[in-house]
Amino acid sequence: MTSWVGRTAAEIAAAVREKQATPREVVAEHLARIERLDGRVGAFRLVRAEAALAEADEVGSRADLAELPLAGVPVAIKDNLAVRGESNRVGSAATPDTPADDDHVTVARLRAAGAVVVGLTNVPELCVFGTTEGVHGTARNPWDTSRTAGGSSGGSAAAVAAGMVPIALGNDGMGSLRIPAANCGLVTIKPGHGVVPAGISDGDWFGMSENGPLATTVEDARLMLSILADTEVVRPDTPGTHRIAVSLRSPLAGVTIGKPYAAAARDAAALLIKAGHQVRRADPPYPMSLGVTSLTHWTAGTSVDAQGLDPRQLARRTRVHAAVGKRFVDRVRAGASREELRRRLEPFFAEYDVLLTPALARRSPKSEAWHERGWLRNVMANTNYSPLTPPWNLTGWPAMAVPFGTLPSGAPAAVQLVGRPGSEAELLALAERIEALRPWRRTAPLD
């Protein structure tokens, strides 16, 4: 019998369209893997086994099956996006356990394309932090289960890296796609503002949060983005030569980049030079105030999301985060600091097409009860290991995490690619070139 676990979304959909497999067969095999492995990984808050099999049968009977780009593909959804008939808990005890009446627009688009939702994935409370644990579960890195999968799309990333689903949906407000993707050896793209419908919580963290794919290949990430996006994401006709700046400098003052991640960026730069791209060392003109700007926006977004929730049912770190941010909401909503950051960085991206950086500064923290620890300890842990992602939420420009190299532990390392507005297709093409020249192992060795 052909095994569909470990296949890409593109491969599964092609097989289902060509009647080499049924959606039920594919979904059932992935559900069996979830049942066998998720006790060790903690990717899912809710598994929809019975409902998913019924929905797989519906997909299999669709008259347009032969045209569906995600025909029969199992997909996991981050638990801050509505799935019809299921509650949306956002990692908290304070949120209501009330079934959603309708799918979020991104979920609806995946289902229209033939995907089958197998479950909702774990997140940190209100999707605030870069580690995923709380009252609904703990998501661990399948490559090293002593470490967190990252956050806030940690459960979605863990599900894909463990081979429980070939693709998953997450979102990114300060790095929440790129952080877990980098930890778990996945490809992701945080699209630029307005490319994919957001509708995340109350106001999308002032427009900084974007929905996007988590996948094991660039092809799957492109496929999923093309389904989610409002506009067509077209592969460039020719690869082209890019002007690439490589920077090993942390955007946040006082935070250093660890040797393994710096080495990954240097090695990726060398690879791209050999591939014919124009690569040189150059640091973006990050302002000294960037750390303060990041903190005010991060906390203010949580303050808005926490409104109307019983603070007694929130973890202490979440309550403090929201309280700190309350005083900044009006300033952040005005948007002046974000506009100033864009103006400061635009000349750099007029000179360079792409910025290449390490994806993270160091490996992810240990998988522990971070939700029971103090606010400052959480903030420092997050800042010290992921200083490179927040600037691109503040600007609203596209950014990717791409697996590259390995850490001393054997877990994957990764680089980040950043482009100007509208460059999603170019970033994906460059990532695809990296993938072709330096392929990565797609699924963690859990068996």
Protein backbone atom coordinates (compact mmCIF):
# COMPACT_ATOMS: atom_id res chain seq x y z
CA MET A 1 0.00 0.00 0.00
CA THR A 2 1.25 3.48 -0.90
CA SER A 3 1.97 5.66 2.11
CA TRP A 4 0.81 9.26 1.86
CA VAL A 5 2.43 10.43 5.08
CA GLY A 6 5.57 12.33 4.22
CA ARG A 7 4.35 13.28 0.75
CA THR A 8 4.01 16.93 -0.19
CA ALA A 9 0.65 18.62 -0.55
CA ALA A 10 1.27 18.95 -4.30
CA GLU A 11 1.96 15.21 -4.60
CA ILE A 12 -1.10 14.23 -2.57
CA ALA A 13 -3.43 16.53 -4.49
CA ALA A 14 -2.14 15.22 -7.84
CA ALA A 15 -2.68 11.62 -6.73
CA VAL A 16 -6.23 12.33 -5.55
CA ARG A 17 -7.09 14.21 -8.74
CA GLU A 18 -5.78 11.27 -10.78
CA LYS A 19 -7.75 8.75 -8.66
CA GLN A 20 -4.58 7.08 -7.34
CA ALA A 21 -5.88 7.71 -3.81
CA THR A 22 -9.10 8.80 -2.17
CA PRO A 23 -9.30 11.74 0.24
CA ARG A 24 -10.49 9.32 2.95
CA GLU A 25 -7.41 7.11 2.56
CA VAL A 26 -5.08 10.10 2.78
CA VAL A 27 -6.84 11.70 5.75
CA ALA A 28 -7.19 8.42 7.65
CA GLU A 29 -3.46 7.74 7.35
CA HIS A 30 -2.59 11.19 8.68
CA LEU A 31 -5.10 10.87 11.53
CA ALA A 32 -3.46 7.58 12.52
CA ARG A 33 -0.08 9.32 12.64
CA ILE A 34 -1.51 12.11 14.79
CA GLU A 35 -2.94 9.54 17.21
CA ARG A 36 0.41 7.76 17.39
CA LEU A 37 2.75 10.73 17.72
CA ASP A 38 0.97 13.77 19.11
CA GLY A 39 1.27 12.64 22.70
CA ARG A 40 5.01 13.29 22.30
CA VAL A 41 4.73 16.46 20.20
CA GLY A 42 1.63 18.30 21.45
CA ALA A 43 0.77 19.94 18.14
CA PHE A 44 -3.02 19.77 18.41
CA ARG A 45 -5.51 21.34 20.78
CA LEU A 46 -8.34 19.57 18.95
CA VAL A 47 -8.32 16.69 16.46
CA ARG A 48 -11.45 16.46 14.27
CA ALA A 49 -11.13 12.75 13.42
CA GLU A 50 -14.77 11.88 12.70
CA ALA A 51 -15.59 15.22 11.09
CA ALA A 52 -12.45 15.15 8.96
CA LEU A 53 -13.25 11.72 7.55
CA ALA A 54 -16.77 12.84 6.71
CA GLU A 55 -15.41 15.95 5.01
CA ALA A 56 -12.88 13.84 3.13
CA ASP A 57 -15.76 11.80 1.71
CA GLU A 58 -17.47 15.04 0.66
CA VAL A 59 -14.33 16.15 -1.16
CA GLY A 60 -14.09 12.78 -2.87
CA SER A 61 -17.62 13.14 -4.23
CA ARG A 62 -17.18 16.69 -5.55
CA ALA A 63 -17.86 17.10 -9.26
CA ASP A 64 -14.85 19.39 -9.59
CA LEU A 65 -12.40 16.99 -7.88
CA ALA A 66 -10.13 16.89 -10.92
CA GLU A 67 -9.61 20.67 -10.73
CA LEU A 68 -8.98 21.07 -6.99
CA PRO A 69 -5.44 22.32 -6.23
CA LEU A 70 -5.51 20.81 -2.71
CA ALA A 71 -7.70 17.79 -3.43
CA GLY A 72 -7.83 15.64 -0.29
CA VAL A 73 -4.88 17.35 1.39
CA PRO A 74 -5.03 17.25 5.23
CA VAL A 75 -4.41 20.67 6.77
CA ALA A 76 -4.05 21.93 10.34
CA ILE A 77 -5.37 25.33 11.41
CA LYS A 78 -3.91 27.62 14.07
CA ASP A 79 -6.32 28.00 16.97
CA ASN A 80 -6.90 31.71 16.49
CA LEU A 81 -8.74 31.31 13.18
CA ALA A 82 -12.37 30.24 13.05
CA VAL A 83 -13.27 26.75 11.87
CA ARG A 84 -17.00 26.24 11.42
CA GLY A 85 -18.49 24.13 14.20
CA GLU A 86 -15.43 24.31 16.45
CA SER A 87 -14.49 26.63 19.29
CA ASN A 88 -11.65 29.10 18.88
CA ARG A 89 -9.75 29.19 22.18
CA VAL A 90 -6.58 31.13 21.27
CA GLY A 91 -4.63 29.21 23.89
CA SER A 92 -6.60 30.62 26.83
CA ALA A 93 -9.00 29.62 29.56
CA ALA A 94 -10.56 33.07 29.29
CA THR A 95 -11.99 32.60 25.79
CA PRO A 96 -15.47 31.11 25.30
CA ASP A 97 -15.88 27.46 24.30
CA THR A 98 -18.43 28.42 21.65
CA PRO A 99 -18.54 26.82 18.18
CA ALA A 100 -17.88 29.18 15.29
CA ASP A 101 -20.76 29.76 12.89
CA ASP A 102 -18.51 30.22 9.87
CA ASP A 103 -15.01 29.51 8.65
CA HIS A 104 -12.44 32.28 8.62
CA VAL A 105 -12.00 33.40 5.01
CA THR A 106 -8.59 31.71 4.75
CA VAL A 107 -10.00 28.43 6.06
CA ALA A 108 -12.89 28.72 3.60
CA ARG A 109 -10.44 29.20 0.74
CA LEU A 110 -8.45 26.11 1.73
CA ARG A 111 -11.63 24.04 1.93
CA ALA A 112 -12.86 25.37 -1.41
CA ALA A 113 -9.53 24.20 -2.88
CA GLY A 114 -10.20 20.65 -1.59
CA ALA A 115 -8.26 20.66 1.70
CA VAL A 116 -9.61 18.77 4.73
CA VAL A 117 -9.23 20.35 8.18
CA VAL A 118 -8.00 17.64 10.56
CA GLY A 119 -7.58 19.81 13.64
CA LEU A 120 -6.81 23.04 15.47
CA THR A 121 -3.27 23.55 16.71
CA ASN A 122 -1.86 24.74 20.02
CA VAL A 123 -0.79 28.34 20.55
CA PRO A 124 0.46 30.36 23.53
CA GLU A 125 -2.23 32.36 25.28
CA LEU A 126 -3.55 35.09 22.94
CA CYS A 127 -0.67 34.19 20.59
CA VAL A 128 1.65 36.55 22.46
CA PHE A 129 4.91 34.67 22.88
CA GLY A 130 7.51 32.76 20.87
CA THR A 131 7.04 29.57 22.89
CA THR A 132 3.87 27.48 22.76
CA GLU A 133 2.50 26.15 26.02
CA GLY A 134 -0.47 26.79 28.27
CA VAL A 135 -3.72 25.39 29.58
CA HIS A 136 -4.53 23.59 26.31
CA GLY A 137 -1.18 21.95 25.70
CA THR A 138 2.51 22.28 24.94
CA ALA A 139 3.91 22.13 21.40
CA ARG A 140 7.43 20.68 21.19
CA ASN A 141 9.94 20.75 18.37
CA PRO A 142 9.72 17.33 16.66
CA TRP A 143 13.47 17.50 15.91
CA ASP A 144 14.27 17.93 19.61
CA THR A 145 11.30 17.43 21.91
CA SER A 146 13.21 18.91 24.85
CA ARG A 147 12.82 22.28 23.07
CA THR A 148 9.75 24.38 22.30
CA ALA A 149 8.42 24.36 18.76
CA GLY A 150 8.39 28.16 18.96
CA GLY A 151 5.40 30.40 18.68
CA SER A 152 2.93 31.53 18.29
CA SER A 153 2.16 29.19 15.38
CA GLY A 154 4.05 26.48 17.26
CA GLY A 155 1.43 23.75 17.06
CA SER A 156 0.97 24.26 13.32
CA ALA A 157 4.72 24.06 12.72
CA ALA A 158 5.11 21.00 14.93
CA ALA A 159 2.28 19.23 13.08
CA VAL A 160 3.96 19.73 9.71
CA ALA A 161 7.49 18.92 10.89
CA ALA A 162 6.23 15.69 12.47
CA GLY A 163 4.53 14.61 9.24
CA MET A 164 1.06 14.77 10.81
CA VAL A 165 -0.07 17.05 7.97
CA PRO A 166 1.79 18.21 4.86
CA ILE A 167 0.78 21.87 5.30
CA ALA A 168 -0.70 24.08 8.00
CA LEU A 169 -2.12 27.55 8.37
CA GLY A 170 -0.65 30.04 10.83
CA ASN A 171 -0.10 33.75 11.19
CA ASP A 172 2.67 36.15 12.08
CA GLY A 173 2.47 39.36 14.13
CA MET A 174 6.07 39.62 15.37
CA GLY A 175 7.54 36.45 13.87
CA SER A 176 4.88 33.91 14.75
CA LEU A 177 5.25 31.99 11.47
CA ARG A 178 8.98 32.45 10.94
CA ILE A 179 10.06 31.58 14.50
CA PRO A 180 8.47 28.10 14.64
CA ALA A 181 9.29 27.44 10.98
CA ALA A 182 12.96 28.17 11.68
CA ASN A 183 12.92 25.94 14.77
CA CYS A 184 11.17 23.07 13.02
CA GLY A 185 12.92 23.08 9.63
CA LEU A 186 10.00 24.42 7.57
CA VAL A 187 9.40 26.93 4.81
CA THR A 188 7.08 29.84 5.50
CA ILE A 189 6.31 33.23 4.09
CA LYS A 190 4.81 36.14 5.97
CA PRO A 191 3.19 37.95 3.07
CA GLY A 192 3.26 41.69 2.79
CA HIS A 193 0.36 43.70 4.13
CA GLY A 194 -2.86 43.24 2.16
CA VAL A 195 -1.81 40.21 0.12
CA VAL A 196 -3.77 37.65 2.20
CA PRO A 197 -6.90 38.51 4.19
CA ALA A 198 -6.02 38.94 7.86
CA GLY A 199 -9.01 39.22 10.22
CA ILE A 200 -6.95 38.03 13.17
CA SER A 201 -8.35 38.97 16.59
CA ASP A 202 -9.37 42.62 16.97
CA GLY A 203 -7.52 44.71 14.41
CA ASP A 204 -4.74 42.31 13.38
CA TRP A 205 -2.33 43.84 15.91
CA PHE A 206 -2.76 47.21 14.18
CA GLY A 207 -2.25 45.64 10.76
CA MET A 208 0.99 43.85 11.65
CA SER A 209 -0.39 40.28 11.65
CA GLU A 210 -0.59 38.28 8.43
CA ASN A 211 -1.87 34.78 7.67
CA GLY A 212 0.43 32.43 5.80
CA PRO A 213 1.53 28.86 5.04
CA LEU A 214 3.79 26.39 6.83
CA ALA A 215 5.20 23.72 4.53
CA THR A 216 8.13 21.41 3.94
CA THR A 217 8.86 22.60 0.40
CA VAL A 218 8.84 25.92 -1.41
CA GLU A 219 6.42 24.43 -3.95
CA ASP A 220 3.87 23.71 -1.21
CA ALA A 221 4.34 27.15 0.36
CA ARG A 222 3.76 28.80 -3.02
CA LEU A 223 0.74 26.60 -3.72
CA MET A 224 -0.86 27.40 -0.39
CA LEU A 225 -0.11 31.13 -0.67
CA SER A 226 -1.67 31.22 -4.13
CA ILE A 227 -4.90 29.85 -2.64
CA LEU A 228 -4.90 32.20 0.36
CA ALA A 229 -3.95 35.38 -1.49
CA ASP A 230 -6.30 38.00 -2.91
CA THR A 231 -3.92 38.53 -5.83
CA GLU A 232 -2.16 35.98 -8.01
CA VAL A 233 1.32 34.92 -6.89
CA VAL A 234 3.06 34.17 -10.17
CA ARG A 235 6.39 32.36 -10.45
CA PRO A 236 8.85 34.59 -12.36
CA ASP A 237 9.45 33.47 -15.96
CA THR A 238 13.22 33.55 -15.43
CA PRO A 239 15.15 33.24 -12.16
CA GLY A 240 16.99 36.55 -12.62
CA THR A 241 19.95 37.89 -10.71
CA HIS A 242 19.23 39.52 -7.38
CA ARG A 243 21.12 42.19 -5.51
CA ILE A 244 21.30 40.61 -2.08
CA ALA A 245 22.48 42.22 1.14
CA VAL A 246 23.58 39.81 3.87
CA SER A 247 23.46 41.14 7.42
CA LEU A 248 24.52 39.36 10.60
CA ARG A 249 23.64 42.28 12.83
CA SER A 250 20.77 42.08 15.29
CA PRO A 251 18.18 44.82 14.74
CA LEU A 252 17.82 45.12 18.53
CA ALA A 253 20.66 46.74 20.43
CA GLY A 254 22.38 44.47 22.93
CA VAL A 255 21.25 41.19 21.34
CA THR A 256 23.89 39.07 19.64
CA ILE A 257 23.62 36.42 16.95
CA GLY A 258 24.89 32.96 17.90
CA LYS A 259 27.56 31.27 15.81
CA PRO A 260 25.40 28.52 14.23
CA TYR A 261 22.83 30.98 12.88
CA ALA A 262 25.48 33.44 11.72
CA ALA A 263 27.23 30.56 9.96
CA ALA A 264 23.99 29.55 8.24
CA ALA A 265 23.56 33.05 6.82
CA ARG A 266 27.20 33.24 5.68
CA ASP A 267 26.99 29.83 4.02
CA ALA A 268 23.72 30.74 2.29
CA ALA A 269 25.34 33.93 1.02
CA ALA A 270 28.28 31.95 -0.37
CA LEU A 271 25.86 29.55 -2.07
CA LEU A 272 23.99 32.43 -3.73
CA ILE A 273 27.23 34.01 -4.92
CA LYS A 274 28.12 30.74 -6.67
CA ALA A 275 24.61 30.75 -8.17
CA GLY A 276 25.35 34.07 -9.84
CA HIS A 277 23.68 36.57 -7.53
CA GLN A 278 25.26 39.84 -6.46
CA VAL A 279 25.80 39.45 -2.71
CA ARG A 280 27.54 41.82 -0.34
CA ARG A 281 27.62 42.49 3.38
CA ALA A 282 25.39 45.41 4.30
CA ASP A 283 23.36 46.22 7.41
CA PRO A 284 19.99 47.95 7.18
CA PRO A 285 19.92 51.30 9.02
CA TYR A 286 17.92 50.03 11.99
CA PRO A 287 17.17 52.86 14.44
CA MET A 288 18.36 52.57 18.03
CA SER A 289 14.73 53.02 19.08
CA LEU A 290 13.61 49.83 17.31
CA GLY A 291 13.55 47.80 20.53
CA VAL A 292 11.19 50.28 22.17
CA THR A 293 9.02 50.44 19.05
CA SER A 294 8.78 46.66 18.94
CA LEU A 295 7.87 46.39 22.62
CA THR A 296 5.18 49.08 22.48
CA HIS A 297 3.50 47.48 19.45
CA TRP A 298 3.81 43.95 20.84
CA THR A 299 2.24 44.84 24.17
CA ALA A 300 -0.39 47.19 22.73
CA GLY A 301 -1.66 44.44 20.43
CA THR A 302 -2.12 42.15 23.41
CA SER A 303 -3.89 44.90 25.34
CA VAL A 304 -6.50 45.18 22.60
CA ASP A 305 -6.92 41.40 22.33
CA ALA A 306 -7.39 41.05 26.11
CA GLN A 307 -10.27 43.53 26.26
CA GLY A 308 -13.47 41.83 27.35
CA LEU A 309 -11.71 38.76 28.76
CA ASP A 310 -11.77 37.90 32.46
CA PRO A 311 -8.25 38.82 33.65
CA ARG A 312 -8.52 36.26 36.46
CA GLN A 313 -8.49 33.52 33.82
CA LEU A 314 -5.41 34.88 32.02
CA ALA A 315 -1.89 33.78 32.87
CA ARG A 316 0.08 36.36 34.80
CA ARG A 317 2.53 36.98 31.96
CA THR A 318 -0.41 37.77 29.64
CA ARG A 319 -2.04 40.12 32.17
CA VAL A 320 1.19 42.05 32.64
CA HIS A 321 1.84 42.20 28.90
CA ALA A 322 -1.63 43.63 28.30
CA ALA A 323 -1.32 46.10 31.20
CA VAL A 324 2.01 47.39 29.90
CA GLY A 325 0.57 47.84 26.43
CA LYS A 326 -2.57 49.69 27.51
CA ARG A 327 -0.72 52.99 27.81
CA PHE A 328 0.66 52.65 24.25
CA VAL A 329 -2.52 51.79 22.32
CA ASP A 330 -3.33 55.29 21.09
CA ARG A 331 0.27 56.01 20.10
CA VAL A 332 0.60 52.70 18.27
CA ARG A 333 -2.73 53.12 16.50
CA ALA A 334 -1.55 56.46 15.09
CA GLY A 335 1.16 54.58 13.17
CA ALA A 336 3.80 57.32 13.13
CA SER A 337 6.69 55.14 14.32
CA ARG A 338 5.95 52.45 11.75
CA GLU A 339 5.79 55.00 8.95
CA GLU A 340 9.09 56.49 10.08
CA LEU A 341 10.69 53.02 10.07
CA ARG A 342 9.50 52.41 6.52
CA ARG A 343 10.93 55.74 5.36
CA ARG A 344 14.24 54.92 7.00
CA LEU A 345 14.51 51.47 5.38
CA GLU A 346 13.16 52.23 1.90
CA PRO A 347 16.49 53.57 0.50
CA PHE A 348 18.20 50.34 1.57
CA PHE A 349 15.66 48.30 -0.40
CA ALA A 350 16.08 50.59 -3.37
CA GLU A 351 19.74 49.54 -3.42
CA TYR A 352 19.12 45.84 -2.68
CA ASP A 353 16.37 43.50 -3.88
CA VAL A 354 16.59 41.08 -0.95
CA LEU A 355 17.95 41.10 2.59
CA LEU A 356 19.40 37.81 3.84
CA THR A 357 19.77 37.37 7.61
CA PRO A 358 19.85 34.54 10.14
CA ALA A 359 16.28 33.54 10.94
CA LEU A 360 16.95 33.39 14.68
CA ALA A 361 19.75 34.40 17.04
CA ARG A 362 19.94 31.08 18.87
CA ARG A 363 18.10 27.80 19.31
CA SER A 364 14.67 27.81 20.89
CA PRO A 365 14.21 27.73 24.67
CA LYS A 366 13.60 24.49 26.49
CA SER A 367 10.04 23.21 26.40
CA GLU A 368 8.98 24.18 29.91
CA ALA A 369 6.05 25.86 31.65
CA TRP A 370 6.87 29.35 30.39
CA HIS A 371 3.25 30.40 30.92
CA GLU A 372 3.81 29.99 34.67
CA ARG A 373 6.90 32.19 34.71
CA GLY A 374 7.21 35.93 35.11
CA TRP A 375 6.60 38.45 32.37
CA LEU A 376 10.11 39.88 32.18
CA ARG A 377 11.68 36.43 31.97
CA ASN A 378 9.41 35.59 29.04
CA VAL A 379 10.11 38.87 27.27
CA MET A 380 13.87 38.45 27.61
CA ALA A 381 13.80 34.83 26.44
CA ASN A 382 11.78 35.81 23.37
CA THR A 383 13.87 38.86 22.55
CA ASN A 384 17.20 37.08 22.91
CA TYR A 385 16.35 34.27 20.55
CA SER A 386 14.22 36.08 17.98
CA PRO A 387 15.37 39.68 17.42
CA LEU A 388 15.35 39.47 13.61
CA THR A 389 11.67 38.98 12.82
CA PRO A 390 9.78 42.01 14.30
CA PRO A 391 11.02 44.77 11.95
CA TRP A 392 9.21 43.27 8.98
CA ASN A 393 5.85 43.19 10.76
CA LEU A 394 6.36 46.83 11.66
CA THR A 395 7.06 47.72 8.03
CA GLY A 396 4.44 45.33 6.65
CA TRP A 397 6.89 43.89 4.10
CA PRO A 398 7.17 40.21 3.07
CA ALA A 399 9.66 37.92 4.81
CA MET A 400 10.43 34.20 4.68
CA ALA A 401 12.10 31.56 6.82
CA VAL A 402 14.02 28.94 4.80
CA PRO A 403 15.77 25.89 6.29
CA PHE A 404 19.54 26.02 5.88
CA GLY A 405 22.15 23.96 7.69
CA THR A 406 21.95 22.35 11.11
CA LEU A 407 22.60 23.27 14.71
CA PRO A 408 25.11 21.36 16.86
CA SER A 409 22.15 19.41 18.30
CA GLY A 410 21.24 18.16 14.83
CA ALA A 411 18.06 20.25 14.67
CA PRO A 412 17.61 22.50 11.62
CA ALA A 413 19.01 26.02 11.30
CA ALA A 414 17.43 28.61 9.00
CA VAL A 415 17.84 31.92 7.23
CA GLN A 416 15.44 34.78 6.67
CA LEU A 417 14.74 36.44 3.32
CA VAL A 418 13.14 39.91 3.29
CA GLY A 419 11.91 41.89 0.29
CA ARG A 420 10.18 45.11 -0.61
CA PRO A 421 6.37 45.27 -0.93
CA GLY A 422 5.03 43.02 -3.67
CA SER A 423 8.10 40.77 -3.84
CA GLU A 424 6.51 37.55 -2.56
CA ALA A 425 7.02 35.74 -5.88
CA GLU A 426 10.67 36.81 -6.07
CA LEU A 427 11.36 35.68 -2.50
CA LEU A 428 9.77 32.30 -3.21
CA ALA A 429 11.84 31.93 -6.38
CA LEU A 430 15.05 32.68 -4.46
CA ALA A 431 14.05 30.23 -1.73
CA GLU A 432 13.37 27.62 -4.38
CA ARG A 433 16.87 28.15 -5.75
CA ILE A 434 18.33 27.63 -2.28
CA GLU A 435 16.25 24.48 -1.91
CA ALA A 436 17.50 23.10 -5.22
CA LEU A 437 21.14 23.78 -4.35
CA ARG A 438 20.98 22.72 -0.71
CA PRO A 439 18.00 20.38 -0.10
CA TRP A 440 16.89 19.82 3.47
CA ARG A 441 15.42 16.84 5.27
CA ARG A 442 11.69 17.54 5.27
CA THR A 443 10.33 15.58 8.24
CA ALA A 444 11.72 14.99 11.74
CA PRO A 445 12.86 11.40 12.46
CA LEU A 446 10.23 10.52 15.08
CA ASP A 447 9.59 6.92 14.01
